[in-house]
Protein backbone atom coordinates (compact mmCIF):
# COMPACT_ATOMS: atom_id res chain seq x y z
CA MET A 1 8.60 5.81 7.76
CA TYR A 2 9.95 9.48 7.81
CA ARG A 3 8.15 12.31 5.85
CA VAL A 4 11.49 13.70 4.30
CA SER A 5 9.02 16.32 2.56
CA PRO A 6 5.20 16.51 1.81
CA LYS A 7 5.86 14.27 -0.88
CA LEU A 8 8.89 12.56 -0.22
CA GLN A 9 8.24 9.58 2.68
CA VAL A 10 11.33 6.84 3.57
CA GLY A 11 11.70 4.42 6.06
CA LEU A 12 12.01 0.60 6.92
CA GLU A 13 9.60 -2.45 6.77
CA SER A 14 9.95 -4.99 9.14
CA ASN A 15 8.64 -8.23 9.43
CA PRO A 16 9.61 -10.19 12.54
CA ALA A 17 8.23 -13.53 11.14
CA ALA A 18 10.88 -13.57 8.11
CA GLU A 19 13.34 -12.04 9.79
CA GLU A 20 12.78 -9.22 7.14
CA LEU A 21 13.69 -5.43 7.20
CA GLY A 22 13.95 -3.57 4.24
CA PRO A 23 13.60 -0.12 2.38
CA LEU A 24 10.32 1.79 2.46
CA PHE A 25 10.37 5.04 -0.53
CA ASN A 26 7.47 6.48 -1.44
CA TRP A 27 7.04 10.42 -3.51
CA VAL A 28 3.84 11.74 -4.10
CA VAL A 29 4.69 13.16 -8.21
CA SER A 30 1.73 14.40 -8.66
CA GLU A 31 -1.28 15.25 -5.51
CA GLU A 32 -4.81 14.26 -6.75
CA THR A 33 -7.05 17.44 -7.67
CA ASP A 34 -11.14 17.37 -8.91
CA LYS A 35 -9.77 16.46 -12.76
CA ALA A 36 -6.45 15.08 -11.82
CA PRO A 37 -5.04 11.38 -10.10
CA HIS A 38 -2.81 10.84 -7.64
CA VAL A 39 0.48 9.43 -8.93
CA SER A 40 3.19 8.22 -6.54
CA LEU A 41 6.64 6.29 -7.21
CA GLY A 42 8.03 3.88 -4.13
CA THR A 43 9.70 0.67 -2.94
CA SER A 44 8.71 -2.00 -0.41
CA SER A 45 9.15 -5.52 0.15
CA ASP A 46 7.97 -7.52 -3.37
CA ARG A 47 4.72 -9.01 -2.01
CA ILE A 48 2.93 -10.66 1.32
CA PHE A 49 4.43 -14.64 0.61
CA SER A 50 7.43 -13.23 -1.11
CA PRO A 51 11.20 -14.85 -0.43
CA LYS A 52 13.22 -12.62 2.26
CA GLY A 53 15.23 -9.36 0.45
CA LYS A 54 12.72 -9.14 -2.86
CA GLN A 55 11.22 -5.62 -3.38
CA ALA A 56 9.40 -4.20 -5.59
CA TYR A 57 8.68 -1.13 -7.42
CA PHE A 58 6.10 0.75 -8.90
CA VAL A 59 3.86 3.76 -9.44
CA THR A 60 0.54 3.39 -9.11
CA VAL A 61 -2.32 5.97 -10.19
CA ALA A 62 -5.35 6.73 -7.63
CA LYS A 63 -8.56 9.06 -8.27
CA SER A 64 -11.28 9.34 -5.43
CA ILE A 65 -14.90 9.09 -7.04
CA PRO A 66 -16.32 11.91 -6.52
CA ASP A 67 -19.32 12.84 -3.12
CA THR A 68 -18.72 9.33 -2.92
CA LYS A 69 -16.99 7.22 -0.82
CA PHE A 70 -14.53 4.79 -3.17
CA ALA A 71 -10.81 5.45 -3.92
CA PRO A 72 -9.83 2.70 -6.69
CA TYR A 73 -6.51 2.50 -7.78
CA VAL A 74 -4.54 0.74 -10.04
CA GLY A 75 -0.86 0.83 -10.88
CA LEU A 76 2.15 -1.34 -12.14
CA SER A 77 5.08 -3.39 -10.04
CA TRP A 78 7.88 -4.79 -11.24
CA SER A 79 9.03 -7.64 -8.99
CA GLU A 80 12.11 -8.94 -7.85
CA TRP A 81 10.95 -12.04 -7.24
CA GLU A 82 9.13 -13.14 -10.54
CA ASP A 83 11.22 -10.88 -12.64
CA ARG A 84 8.57 -9.58 -14.38
CA LEU A 85 5.80 -6.77 -14.24
CA LEU A 86 2.41 -7.06 -12.57
CA VAL A 87 -0.66 -5.09 -12.26
CA PRO A 88 -2.32 -4.92 -9.13
CA PHE A 89 -5.13 -2.59 -8.04
CA GLY A 90 -8.17 -1.97 -5.24
CA LEU A 91 -10.17 -0.14 -4.44
CA ASN A 92 -11.18 1.86 -0.60
CA ILE A 93 -13.74 2.82 1.00
CA ALA A 94 -14.28 5.66 3.37
CA VAL A 95 -16.30 3.58 6.25
CA ALA A 96 -15.73 6.47 8.74
CA PRO A 97 -13.36 9.04 8.85
CA GLU A 98 -11.25 6.68 11.39
CA TRP A 99 -11.77 3.05 9.44
CA ASP A 100 -11.07 2.45 5.94
CA LEU A 101 -11.96 -0.95 4.46
CA LEU A 102 -9.35 -1.79 1.17
CA GLY A 103 -9.61 -4.62 -1.60
CA MET A 104 -7.37 -5.25 -3.03
CA HIS A 105 -5.50 -7.41 -5.95
CA ASP A 106 -1.33 -7.46 -5.66
CA GLY A 107 -1.25 -8.74 -9.39
CA ARG A 108 -1.56 -11.98 -8.30
CA ASN A 109 -3.95 -12.55 -4.76
CA THR A 110 -6.47 -10.89 -3.22
CA HIS A 111 -6.39 -9.81 0.08
CA GLY A 112 -8.64 -7.43 2.50
CA LEU A 113 -7.94 -4.94 4.74
CA LEU A 114 -10.17 -3.00 7.19
CA THR A 115 -7.97 -0.09 8.94
CA TYR A 116 -8.16 2.04 11.38
CA LYS A 117 -6.34 5.45 11.61
CA THR A 118 -5.08 7.16 13.85
CA GLU A 119 -2.38 10.07 14.49
CA SER A 120 0.88 8.76 14.32
CA VAL A 121 -0.19 5.05 14.37
CA ASN A 122 -2.76 2.76 11.37
CA TYR A 123 -3.30 -0.75 12.30
CA SER A 124 -4.82 -3.16 9.84
CA LEU A 125 -6.85 -6.40 10.20
CA MET A 126 -6.05 -8.16 6.93
CA MET A 127 -7.61 -11.13 5.15
CA VAL A 128 -4.34 -12.81 3.07
CA LYS A 129 -5.36 -14.24 0.38
CA MET A 130 -8.45 -14.26 1.41
CA LYS A 131 -7.91 -17.27 3.52
CA HIS A 132 -5.35 -16.21 6.30
CA PHE A 133 -5.83 -13.65 8.99
CA GLY A 134 -2.79 -11.06 9.58
CA ILE A 135 -2.28 -8.12 11.32
CA SER A 136 -0.06 -5.20 9.94
CA VAL A 137 0.99 -1.58 12.84
CA GLY A 138 2.24 1.37 10.73
CA PHE A 139 3.78 3.75 13.09
CA GLY A 140 4.47 7.75 11.54
CA PHE A 141 7.29 9.88 13.39
């Protein structure tokens, strides 16, 4: 991902197992405040196990719960794969400053991620469909 501005990121998503390279885009429409949620728009590959070249286009609303380590989110996602609207949702738990635990439902399947964050790289151990292990590495520049 490349941060074009504080609210706009563009990049490429690679899935070597599917020999796939696709666009990423994320625009923060509004940042979270004490009273208002974070709202963002974007696109990425459709979902885990989706056919090569299928994109999803989404809007996501997220809000941290004050005085807790919990941050739930919900969204609407148009799936090119299924040609329909999905409702993804999840809950992020800040386990430690550099560790997050995320439970998520992509609109069809449930997944879990444990992420270790550094300044420029994130490493995630994934439990896909709650039965297949995976690894994701994200780079920022």
